[in-house]
Protein backbone atom coordinates (compact mmCIF):
# COMPACT_ATOMS: atom_id res chain seq x y z
CA MET A 1 -18.98 -56.58 125.07
CA THR A 2 -19.28 -55.87 128.78
CA THR A 3 -18.02 -57.13 132.10
CA ASP A 4 -19.70 -57.22 135.51
CA GLU A 5 -17.78 -54.14 136.53
CA PHE A 6 -18.87 -52.41 133.32
CA ARG A 7 -22.53 -53.01 134.23
CA ARG A 8 -22.09 -51.85 137.81
CA ASN A 9 -20.25 -48.64 137.04
CA ARG A 10 -23.28 -46.67 135.85
CA GLU A 11 -21.64 -43.28 136.29
CA ASN A 12 -19.88 -43.84 132.99
CA PHE A 13 -23.15 -43.91 131.02
CA CYS A 14 -25.49 -41.11 129.98
CA TYR A 15 -28.30 -40.93 132.55
CA ARG A 16 -30.85 -40.38 129.74
CA HIS A 17 -29.40 -43.03 127.42
CA PRO A 18 -28.05 -45.83 129.66
CA ASP A 19 -26.54 -47.70 126.71
CA ARG A 20 -24.22 -44.83 125.74
CA GLN A 21 -20.81 -44.39 127.35
CA SER A 22 -19.59 -40.87 127.98
CA PHE A 23 -16.76 -39.03 129.66
CA VAL A 24 -18.56 -35.68 129.99
CA LEU A 25 -20.47 -34.33 133.00
CA CYS A 26 -23.23 -31.72 133.17
CA GLN A 27 -21.57 -28.72 134.82
CA ARG A 28 -24.62 -28.10 137.03
CA CYS A 29 -25.78 -31.51 138.28
CA LEU A 30 -22.54 -33.42 137.44
CA ARG A 31 -24.42 -36.33 135.86
CA THR A 32 -22.88 -38.05 132.85
CA ILE A 33 -24.38 -37.05 129.50
CA CYS A 34 -23.76 -38.18 125.94
CA PRO A 35 -23.18 -35.73 123.03
CA GLU A 36 -26.88 -35.77 122.06
CA CYS A 37 -27.87 -34.53 125.52
CA GLN A 38 -25.27 -31.76 125.77
CA THR A 39 -26.11 -28.07 125.49
CA GLN A 40 -23.26 -25.59 125.59
CA GLY A 41 -23.43 -23.39 128.68
CA ALA A 42 -21.41 -20.39 129.81
CA VAL A 43 -18.90 -22.85 131.26
CA GLY A 44 -18.95 -26.44 130.05
CA VAL A 45 -22.15 -28.18 128.99
CA ILE A 46 -25.50 -28.80 130.72
CA CYS A 47 -28.08 -31.54 130.44
CA PRO A 48 -31.67 -31.08 129.14
CA GLU A 49 -33.23 -31.06 132.62
CA CYS A 50 -30.87 -28.40 133.92
CA LEU A 51 -31.50 -26.40 130.76
CA LYS A 52 -35.26 -26.49 131.44
CA ASP A 53 -34.73 -25.43 135.05
CA GLN A 54 -32.52 -22.58 133.88
CA GLN A 55 -35.14 -21.43 131.39
CA LYS A 56 -37.90 -21.56 134.01
CA ALA A 57 -35.85 -19.48 136.44
CA ALA A 58 -35.19 -16.74 133.88
CA SER A 59 -37.15 -13.51 134.27
CA PRO A 60 -39.34 -12.23 131.39
CA ALA A 61 -36.73 -9.55 130.65
CA GLN A 62 -33.95 -12.13 130.50
CA THR A 63 -36.01 -14.37 128.24
CA LYS A 64 -36.79 -11.50 125.90
CA ALA A 65 -33.17 -10.32 125.78
CA GLU A 66 -31.90 -13.82 125.17
CA ARG A 67 -34.42 -14.41 122.41
CA ARG A 68 -33.42 -11.15 120.78
CA TRP A 69 -29.65 -11.20 121.11
CA SER A 70 -28.58 -14.77 121.67
CA ARG A 71 -27.96 -17.45 119.12
CA PRO A 72 -30.68 -20.11 118.71
CA ARG A 73 -30.85 -22.38 121.72
CA ALA A 74 -30.74 -25.62 119.85
CA VAL A 75 -29.13 -28.58 121.48
CA ALA A 76 -25.40 -28.41 120.75
CA VAL A 77 -23.87 -31.62 119.51
CA ARG A 78 -20.15 -31.62 120.19
CA ASP A 79 -17.95 -32.10 117.14
CA SER A 80 -16.62 -35.59 117.78
CA ARG A 81 -14.46 -35.82 114.68
CA PRO A 82 -10.87 -36.77 115.62
CA LEU A 83 -9.37 -33.75 113.89
CA ALA A 84 -6.24 -33.70 116.08
CA THR A 85 -5.55 -37.31 115.09
CA TYR A 86 -5.95 -36.47 111.41
CA ALA A 87 -3.69 -33.42 111.82
CA ILE A 88 -0.92 -35.46 113.45
CA VAL A 89 -1.13 -38.07 110.70
CA LEU A 90 -0.97 -35.36 108.02
CA ILE A 91 1.95 -33.49 109.61
CA THR A 92 3.92 -36.69 110.14
CA SER A 93 3.28 -37.89 106.59
CA VAL A 94 4.33 -34.55 105.10
CA ALA A 95 7.47 -34.57 107.24
CA TYR A 96 8.34 -38.01 105.89
CA LEU A 97 7.91 -36.83 102.31
CA VAL A 98 10.22 -33.88 103.04
CA THR A 99 12.89 -36.23 104.38
CA MET A 100 12.73 -38.12 101.08
CA ILE A 101 13.95 -35.09 99.10
CA PRO A 102 17.52 -35.89 97.97
CA GLY A 103 20.15 -33.99 99.93
CA PHE A 104 17.81 -31.59 101.70
CA GLY A 105 15.71 -34.35 103.25
CA THR A 106 18.71 -35.98 104.92
CA ARG A 107 19.67 -32.70 106.60
CA VAL A 108 16.11 -32.23 107.82
CA GLN A 109 15.94 -35.73 109.25
CA ASN A 110 19.31 -35.37 110.98
CA SER A 111 18.07 -32.18 112.65
CA LEU A 112 14.92 -33.86 114.02
CA VAL A 113 16.17 -37.30 115.13
CA PHE A 114 16.42 -37.75 118.89
CA LEU A 115 19.98 -38.17 120.16
CA ALA A 116 20.35 -37.60 123.89
CA PRO A 117 23.91 -36.17 123.92
CA LEU A 118 22.67 -33.22 121.84
CA LEU A 119 20.67 -32.05 124.89
CA TYR A 120 23.86 -31.38 126.86
CA PRO A 121 26.11 -28.52 125.65
CA GLU A 122 28.92 -29.56 127.98
CA LEU A 123 29.12 -32.90 126.18
CA SER A 124 28.28 -32.16 122.56
CA GLY A 125 28.73 -28.40 122.35
CA THR A 126 25.10 -27.93 121.29
CA PHE A 127 21.66 -27.70 122.89
CA GLU A 128 18.76 -28.95 120.76
CA PRO A 129 15.77 -29.66 123.06
CA TRP A 130 13.23 -29.73 120.21
CA ARG A 131 14.44 -33.25 119.39
CA LEU A 132 12.53 -34.53 122.43
CA LEU A 133 9.31 -34.08 120.43
CA THR A 134 10.35 -33.82 116.77
CA VAL A 135 11.40 -37.46 116.96
CA THR A 136 7.71 -38.25 116.40
CA VAL A 137 7.66 -36.85 112.85
CA VAL A 138 10.66 -38.70 111.40
CA HIS A 139 10.63 -42.40 110.53
CA GLY A 140 13.06 -44.99 109.31
CA GLY A 141 11.05 -46.05 106.28
CA LEU A 142 7.64 -46.25 104.66
CA TRP A 143 6.57 -49.35 106.61
CA HIS A 144 7.65 -47.78 109.89
CA LEU A 145 5.58 -44.69 109.10
CA ALA A 146 2.58 -46.69 107.85
CA LEU A 147 2.37 -48.94 110.90
CA ASN A 148 2.68 -46.04 113.35
CA MET A 149 0.12 -43.91 111.56
CA LEU A 150 -2.30 -46.83 111.26
CA ALA A 151 -2.06 -47.41 115.01
CA LEU A 152 -2.51 -43.69 115.67
CA TRP A 153 -5.55 -43.51 113.40
CA MET A 154 -7.19 -46.56 114.99
CA ILE A 155 -6.63 -45.44 118.59
CA GLY A 156 -7.23 -41.75 117.98
CA ARG A 157 -10.69 -42.31 116.49
CA SER A 158 -11.81 -43.80 119.81
CA LEU A 159 -9.71 -41.90 122.32
CA GLU A 160 -9.83 -38.33 121.00
CA PRO A 161 -13.66 -37.97 121.06
CA LEU A 162 -13.60 -39.44 124.56
CA LEU A 163 -11.02 -37.01 125.93
CA GLY A 164 -11.42 -33.96 123.72
CA ARG A 165 -8.78 -32.52 121.41
CA GLY A 166 -6.87 -30.57 124.05
CA ARG A 167 -6.45 -33.51 126.41
CA PHE A 168 -5.66 -35.85 123.52
CA LEU A 169 -2.87 -33.59 122.24
CA THR A 170 -1.52 -33.20 125.78
CA LEU A 171 -1.51 -36.97 126.18
CA TYR A 172 0.26 -37.47 122.83
CA LEU A 173 2.98 -34.87 123.45
CA LEU A 174 3.70 -35.85 127.05
CA SER A 175 3.86 -39.51 126.03
CA ALA A 176 6.34 -38.61 123.30
CA LEU A 177 8.37 -36.70 125.89
CA GLY A 178 8.23 -39.69 128.24
CA GLY A 179 9.54 -41.96 125.50
CA SER A 180 12.46 -39.64 124.72
CA VAL A 181 13.35 -39.28 128.39
CA ALA A 182 13.38 -43.06 128.79
CA VAL A 183 15.79 -43.36 125.86
CA ALA A 184 18.05 -40.71 127.43
CA LEU A 185 18.05 -42.64 130.71
CA LEU A 186 18.41 -46.20 129.38
CA SER A 187 20.17 -45.88 126.01
CA PHE A 188 21.99 -42.56 126.07
CA THR A 189 23.95 -42.75 122.83
CA THR A 190 21.28 -44.41 120.68
CA PRO A 191 19.69 -42.27 117.92
CA VAL A 192 15.92 -42.82 117.76
CA VAL A 193 13.22 -42.00 115.19
CA GLY A 194 9.47 -42.56 115.13
CA ALA A 195 6.25 -41.82 116.98
CA SER A 196 6.20 -45.17 118.78
CA GLY A 197 6.71 -43.64 122.23
CA ALA A 198 3.69 -41.37 121.81
CA ILE A 199 1.58 -44.18 120.34
CA PHE A 200 2.44 -46.52 123.21
CA GLY A 201 1.29 -43.70 125.47
CA LEU A 202 -2.07 -43.76 123.69
CA PHE A 203 -2.19 -47.53 124.15
CA GLY A 204 -1.54 -47.13 127.87
CA ALA A 205 -4.19 -44.43 128.19
CA LEU A 206 -6.76 -46.49 126.32
CA LEU A 207 -6.04 -49.42 128.63
CA VAL A 208 -6.43 -47.34 131.81
CA ILE A 209 -9.54 -45.46 130.67
CA GLY A 210 -11.15 -48.61 129.29
CA ARG A 211 -10.53 -50.36 132.59
CA HIS A 212 -11.95 -47.36 134.46
CA ILE A 213 -15.24 -47.37 132.56
CA GLY A 214 -15.51 -51.14 132.88
CA ALA A 215 -14.91 -52.02 129.22
CA ASN A 216 -13.40 -55.33 128.19
CA VAL A 217 -9.75 -54.39 127.65
CA ALA A 218 -8.40 -57.92 127.11
CA GLY A 219 -7.91 -57.32 123.38
CA ILE A 220 -6.06 -54.05 123.98
CA ALA A 221 -3.85 -55.67 126.61
CA LEU A 222 -3.02 -58.55 124.23
CA VAL A 223 -2.02 -56.24 121.36
CA LEU A 224 -0.02 -54.07 123.74
CA GLY A 225 1.76 -57.08 125.20
CA ILE A 226 2.69 -58.45 121.77
CA ASN A 227 4.12 -55.10 120.68
CA LEU A 228 6.12 -54.76 123.89
CA VAL A 229 7.60 -58.23 123.51
CA ILE A 230 8.62 -57.54 119.90
CA GLY A 231 10.72 -54.65 121.14
CA PHE A 232 12.91 -57.02 123.14
CA ILE A 233 13.52 -59.55 120.34
CA PRO A 234 17.06 -59.21 118.92
CA GLY A 235 17.20 -58.22 115.28
CA PHE A 236 14.05 -56.09 115.19
CA ASN A 237 16.04 -52.90 115.88
CA VAL A 238 13.24 -51.42 118.01
CA ALA A 239 13.75 -48.75 120.70
CA TRP A 240 11.95 -50.56 123.50
CA GLN A 241 13.02 -47.81 125.89
CA ALA A 242 10.79 -45.31 124.08
CA HIS A 243 7.92 -47.82 124.12
CA VAL A 244 8.18 -48.36 127.87
CA GLY A 245 8.62 -44.66 128.64
CA GLY A 246 5.65 -43.65 126.50
CA LEU A 247 3.48 -46.44 127.92
CA VAL A 248 4.15 -45.52 131.56
CA THR A 249 3.64 -41.81 130.87
CA GLY A 250 0.41 -42.35 128.94
CA ALA A 251 -1.02 -44.62 131.64
CA LEU A 252 -0.17 -42.06 134.34
CA ILE A 253 -1.82 -39.22 132.41
CA ALA A 254 -4.93 -41.32 131.80
CA PHE A 255 -5.09 -42.06 135.52
CA ILE A 256 -5.04 -38.31 136.18
CA PHE A 257 -7.83 -37.80 133.62
CA THR A 258 -10.03 -40.45 135.24
CA ARG A 259 -9.58 -38.96 138.71
CA THR A 260 -10.16 -35.31 137.74
CA ARG A 261 -13.29 -35.52 135.61
CA SER A 262 -15.51 -32.85 137.16
CA PRO A 263 -15.34 -29.16 136.14
CA GLN A 264 -14.38 -28.27 139.71
CA GLN A 265 -11.20 -30.33 139.28
CA ARG A 266 -10.10 -28.71 136.04
CA TRP A 267 -7.32 -26.67 137.64
CA LEU A 268 -6.15 -29.68 139.62
CA GLN A 269 -5.92 -31.61 136.36
CA ILE A 270 -3.86 -28.87 134.73
CA VAL A 271 -1.53 -28.68 137.73
CA LEU A 272 -1.01 -32.44 137.81
CA LEU A 273 -0.27 -32.56 134.08
CA GLY A 274 2.22 -29.73 134.59
CA VAL A 275 3.86 -31.71 137.37
CA VAL A 276 4.22 -34.72 135.06
CA GLY A 277 5.93 -32.55 132.46
CA VAL A 278 8.28 -31.00 135.03
CA VAL A 279 9.21 -34.40 136.48
CA LEU A 280 10.00 -35.76 133.01
CA LEU A 281 12.26 -32.79 132.27
CA ALA A 282 13.88 -33.12 135.69
CA LEU A 283 14.77 -36.73 134.90
CA LEU A 284 17.03 -35.40 132.13
CA LEU A 285 19.35 -34.25 134.93
CA VAL A 286 20.15 -37.89 135.71
CA PRO A 287 22.23 -38.91 132.63
CA PRO A 288 25.08 -36.45 133.37
CA LEU A 289 25.66 -38.31 136.63
CA PHE A 290 26.52 -41.50 134.73
CA TYR A 291 27.70 -40.59 131.25
CA PHE A 292 29.88 -37.49 131.74
């Protein structure tokens, strides 16, 4: 399923396999290459042509030393398994089982639920910042957990191999933070549970990245729109603030990813992600102006 823009934007396809989308560049020539064409270099990966040029330029002594001491120079196929996605699903599921233990589980859940006043010692007498993120591992019931983990599993299988585990985890955690911050700003006294904020961040990122590479994102936009609307329907008891906060944060992070793809922009990407995190934390200074 392609669009005209998808066909025109050839930089998002492997130059050796034009039918394969990729988000990885050769660190020497900066052409897009798919996992099959990637060979691990000293920094990043290189394409087969650059590998041949590198081998030709090596002196006999270098070739002999490399043959003797280096590992075999087979083409490295990047592990594309979404292990971070599986790990998040496992941790969240185990956390839910712990909260089901009579007596003990209730105390655990109460210590992980997000409640904005507990971030401000002058208001509540306590300071528990971990709740900004631990909200993702507690859920209001089995169906709540199952739906969130199903969404995470479906999106993560596509998005994590595209971004890499480090970027995917950064996206997930910052989106969760964005959802919690939005709740603190828009519904200060409401206790919230669930990973919905982080998952909406993944939805937003998938929408932005899909649009960037020219994919048909109509289906994603439709599902996202339906889920957003449900959050505003009375009686569903859904924290739409977390959904909106996670969505905006995830879309912003994906925009940063799409604009800082080359190895030369790696530090810029890290700095911009750090700025996003700092801005989100700085927004927590706003509620005291209205609620204290």
